[in-house]
Amino acid sequence: MRRREFIAGVGAAAAWSLAAPAQQPALPVVAVIQGGGVARLAGFRKGLNATGYAEGQNATVEYHWLQGD
């Protein structure tokens, strides 16, 4: 392998690695299954914040509401 071929190969590899976008880390998902009103959600959010998580910033919260019995 000649020197120019080696330098061209290293340059191409470096350019490819810089062009590749970095993956975003996955956020933890918390599912809330609620059967009543929204009165308990304030306490849930307060507890979530107390453990170091903020909805929409470093955790995803999915709300599911029960219907009927």
N, C-alpha and C. Protein backbone atom coordinates (compact mmCIF):
# COMPACT_ATOMS: atom_id res chain seq x y z
N MET A 1 0.86 -1.17 0.00
CA MET A 1 0.00 0.00 0.00
C MET A 1 0.91 1.23 0.00
N ARG A 2 0.58 2.11 -0.86
CA ARG A 2 1.38 3.32 -0.94
C ARG A 2 0.90 4.35 0.08
N ARG A 3 1.75 5.28 0.34
CA ARG A 3 1.46 6.29 1.36
C ARG A 3 0.23 7.12 1.00
N ARG A 4 0.10 7.53 -0.24
CA ARG A 4 -1.06 8.35 -0.65
C ARG A 4 -2.37 7.58 -0.50
N GLU A 5 -2.36 6.30 -0.84
CA GLU A 5 -3.56 5.48 -0.70
C GLU A 5 -3.95 5.34 0.78
N PHE A 6 -2.95 5.18 1.62
CA PHE A 6 -3.21 5.05 3.04
C PHE A 6 -3.81 6.34 3.61
N ILE A 7 -3.23 7.48 3.27
CA ILE A 7 -3.73 8.77 3.77
C ILE A 7 -5.14 9.03 3.24
N ALA A 8 -5.40 8.68 1.99
CA ALA A 8 -6.74 8.87 1.42
C ALA A 8 -7.76 7.98 2.14
N GLY A 9 -7.36 6.76 2.46
CA GLY A 9 -8.27 5.85 3.17
C GLY A 9 -8.58 6.33 4.58
N VAL A 10 -7.56 6.81 5.29
CA VAL A 10 -7.77 7.34 6.64
C VAL A 10 -8.64 8.58 6.59
N GLY A 11 -8.40 9.44 5.62
CA GLY A 11 -9.22 10.65 5.48
C GLY A 11 -10.68 10.34 5.18
N ALA A 12 -10.91 9.35 4.34
CA ALA A 12 -12.29 8.96 4.01
C ALA A 12 -12.98 8.36 5.22
N ALA A 13 -12.27 7.56 6.01
CA ALA A 13 -12.85 6.96 7.21
C ALA A 13 -13.19 8.03 8.24
N ALA A 14 -12.32 9.02 8.39
CA ALA A 14 -12.58 10.10 9.34
C ALA A 14 -13.77 10.94 8.90
N ALA A 15 -13.88 11.22 7.61
CA ALA A 15 -15.01 12.01 7.11
C ALA A 15 -16.32 11.26 7.28
N TRP A 16 -16.28 9.94 7.08
CA TRP A 16 -17.51 9.14 7.23
C TRP A 16 -17.96 9.13 8.69
N SER A 17 -17.02 9.00 9.62
CA SER A 17 -17.40 8.95 11.03
C SER A 17 -17.93 10.28 11.53
N LEU A 18 -17.46 11.39 10.98
CA LEU A 18 -17.98 12.69 11.38
C LEU A 18 -19.34 12.97 10.78
N ALA A 19 -19.63 12.39 9.64
CA ALA A 19 -20.90 12.62 8.97
C ALA A 19 -22.02 11.79 9.57
N ALA A 20 -21.69 10.71 10.26
CA ALA A 20 -22.72 9.85 10.85
C ALA A 20 -23.32 10.53 12.08
N PRO A 21 -24.64 10.70 12.12
CA PRO A 21 -25.25 11.35 13.27
C PRO A 21 -25.24 10.44 14.50
N ALA A 22 -25.11 11.04 15.65
CA ALA A 22 -25.12 10.28 16.91
C ALA A 22 -26.56 9.95 17.29
N GLN A 23 -26.76 8.78 17.86
CA GLN A 23 -28.09 8.39 18.31
C GLN A 23 -28.40 9.08 19.63
N GLN A 24 -29.64 9.47 19.79
CA GLN A 24 -30.09 10.06 21.04
C GLN A 24 -30.36 8.95 22.04
N PRO A 25 -29.98 9.14 23.30
CA PRO A 25 -30.27 8.11 24.29
C PRO A 25 -31.78 7.98 24.51
N ALA A 26 -32.22 6.77 24.73
CA ALA A 26 -33.64 6.52 24.93
C ALA A 26 -34.07 7.05 26.29
N LEU A 27 -35.23 7.68 26.33
CA LEU A 27 -35.79 8.17 27.58
C LEU A 27 -36.58 7.06 28.25
N PRO A 28 -36.53 6.97 29.58
CA PRO A 28 -37.38 5.99 30.25
C PRO A 28 -38.85 6.37 30.08
N VAL A 29 -39.70 5.35 29.92
CA VAL A 29 -41.13 5.57 29.73
C VAL A 29 -41.87 5.09 30.97
N VAL A 30 -42.71 5.95 31.51
CA VAL A 30 -43.53 5.62 32.68
C VAL A 30 -44.98 5.64 32.22
N ALA A 31 -45.70 4.55 32.47
CA ALA A 31 -47.12 4.49 32.11
C ALA A 31 -47.95 4.70 33.36
N VAL A 32 -48.90 5.62 33.28
CA VAL A 32 -49.81 5.91 34.40
C VAL A 32 -51.18 5.39 33.98
N ILE A 33 -51.70 4.44 34.76
CA ILE A 33 -53.03 3.89 34.49
C ILE A 33 -53.93 4.42 35.59
N GLN A 34 -54.87 5.25 35.22
CA GLN A 34 -55.70 5.96 36.18
C GLN A 34 -57.16 5.58 35.98
N GLY A 35 -57.85 5.33 37.08
CA GLY A 35 -59.25 4.98 36.99
C GLY A 35 -60.18 6.08 37.44
N GLY A 36 -59.68 7.07 38.10
CA GLY A 36 -60.51 8.15 38.61
C GLY A 36 -60.21 9.45 37.92
N GLY A 37 -60.24 10.51 38.71
CA GLY A 37 -59.98 11.84 38.18
C GLY A 37 -58.50 12.15 38.13
N VAL A 38 -58.21 13.41 37.98
CA VAL A 38 -56.83 13.85 37.85
C VAL A 38 -56.24 14.32 39.18
N ALA A 39 -56.96 14.08 40.28
CA ALA A 39 -56.52 14.59 41.58
C ALA A 39 -55.19 13.98 42.01
N ARG A 40 -54.91 12.76 41.67
CA ARG A 40 -53.68 12.09 42.11
C ARG A 40 -52.47 12.40 41.23
N LEU A 41 -52.70 13.02 40.10
CA LEU A 41 -51.59 13.27 39.18
C LEU A 41 -50.61 14.29 39.73
N ALA A 42 -51.07 15.25 40.51
CA ALA A 42 -50.17 16.24 41.09
C ALA A 42 -49.17 15.56 42.03
N GLY A 43 -49.63 14.63 42.84
CA GLY A 43 -48.75 13.88 43.72
C GLY A 43 -47.78 13.00 42.96
N PHE A 44 -48.27 12.41 41.88
CA PHE A 44 -47.40 11.59 41.04
C PHE A 44 -46.27 12.42 40.45
N ARG A 45 -46.62 13.59 39.90
CA ARG A 45 -45.60 14.45 39.30
C ARG A 45 -44.61 14.96 40.35
N LYS A 46 -45.10 15.25 41.55
CA LYS A 46 -44.22 15.70 42.63
C LYS A 46 -43.23 14.59 43.00
N GLY A 47 -43.71 13.36 43.10
CA GLY A 47 -42.83 12.23 43.40
C GLY A 47 -41.85 11.96 42.27
N LEU A 48 -42.30 12.13 41.05
CA LEU A 48 -41.42 11.94 39.89
C LEU A 48 -40.29 12.96 39.93
N ASN A 49 -40.62 14.21 40.23
CA ASN A 49 -39.60 15.25 40.33
C ASN A 49 -38.66 15.01 41.50
N ALA A 50 -39.18 14.45 42.60
CA ALA A 50 -38.35 14.18 43.78
C ALA A 50 -37.30 13.11 43.49
N THR A 51 -37.58 12.23 42.55
CA THR A 51 -36.61 11.18 42.20
C THR A 51 -35.65 11.63 41.11
N GLY A 52 -35.78 12.87 40.64
CA GLY A 52 -34.84 13.40 39.66
C GLY A 52 -35.31 13.34 38.22
N TYR A 53 -36.57 13.01 38.01
CA TYR A 53 -37.10 12.95 36.65
C TYR A 53 -38.09 14.09 36.42
N ALA A 54 -38.07 14.63 35.22
CA ALA A 54 -39.00 15.69 34.84
C ALA A 54 -39.70 15.25 33.55
N GLU A 55 -41.01 15.33 33.57
CA GLU A 55 -41.80 14.90 32.42
C GLU A 55 -41.44 15.73 31.19
N GLY A 56 -41.10 15.04 30.12
CA GLY A 56 -40.75 15.69 28.87
C GLY A 56 -39.29 16.08 28.75
N GLN A 57 -38.54 16.06 29.86
CA GLN A 57 -37.13 16.43 29.80
C GLN A 57 -36.24 15.19 29.82
N ASN A 58 -36.38 14.35 30.84
CA ASN A 58 -35.56 13.14 30.91
C ASN A 58 -36.39 11.90 31.17
N ALA A 59 -37.70 12.01 30.99
CA ALA A 59 -38.60 10.86 31.10
C ALA A 59 -39.85 11.14 30.27
N THR A 60 -40.41 10.09 29.72
CA THR A 60 -41.65 10.18 28.96
C THR A 60 -42.76 9.55 29.80
N VAL A 61 -43.87 10.25 29.93
CA VAL A 61 -45.00 9.74 30.71
C VAL A 61 -46.17 9.51 29.76
N GLU A 62 -46.71 8.29 29.78
CA GLU A 62 -47.90 7.95 29.00
C GLU A 62 -49.07 7.81 29.95
N TYR A 63 -50.15 8.48 29.64
CA TYR A 63 -51.34 8.43 30.48
C TYR A 63 -52.39 7.53 29.82
N HIS A 64 -52.93 6.61 30.60
CA HIS A 64 -53.99 5.71 30.13
C HIS A 64 -55.14 5.80 31.13
N TRP A 65 -56.33 6.02 30.66
CA TRP A 65 -57.48 6.20 31.51
C TRP A 65 -58.42 4.99 31.38
N LEU A 66 -58.83 4.46 32.51
CA LEU A 66 -59.77 3.35 32.54
C LEU A 66 -61.18 3.88 32.38
N GLN A 67 -62.01 3.13 31.69
CA GLN A 67 -63.39 3.52 31.49
C GLN A 67 -64.31 2.44 32.04
N GLY A 68 -65.40 2.84 32.58
CA GLY A 68 -66.39 1.87 33.05
C GLY A 68 -65.99 1.25 34.38
N ASP A 69 -66.30 -0.03 34.53
CA ASP A 69 -66.05 -0.72 35.80
C ASP A 69 -64.62 -1.10 35.93
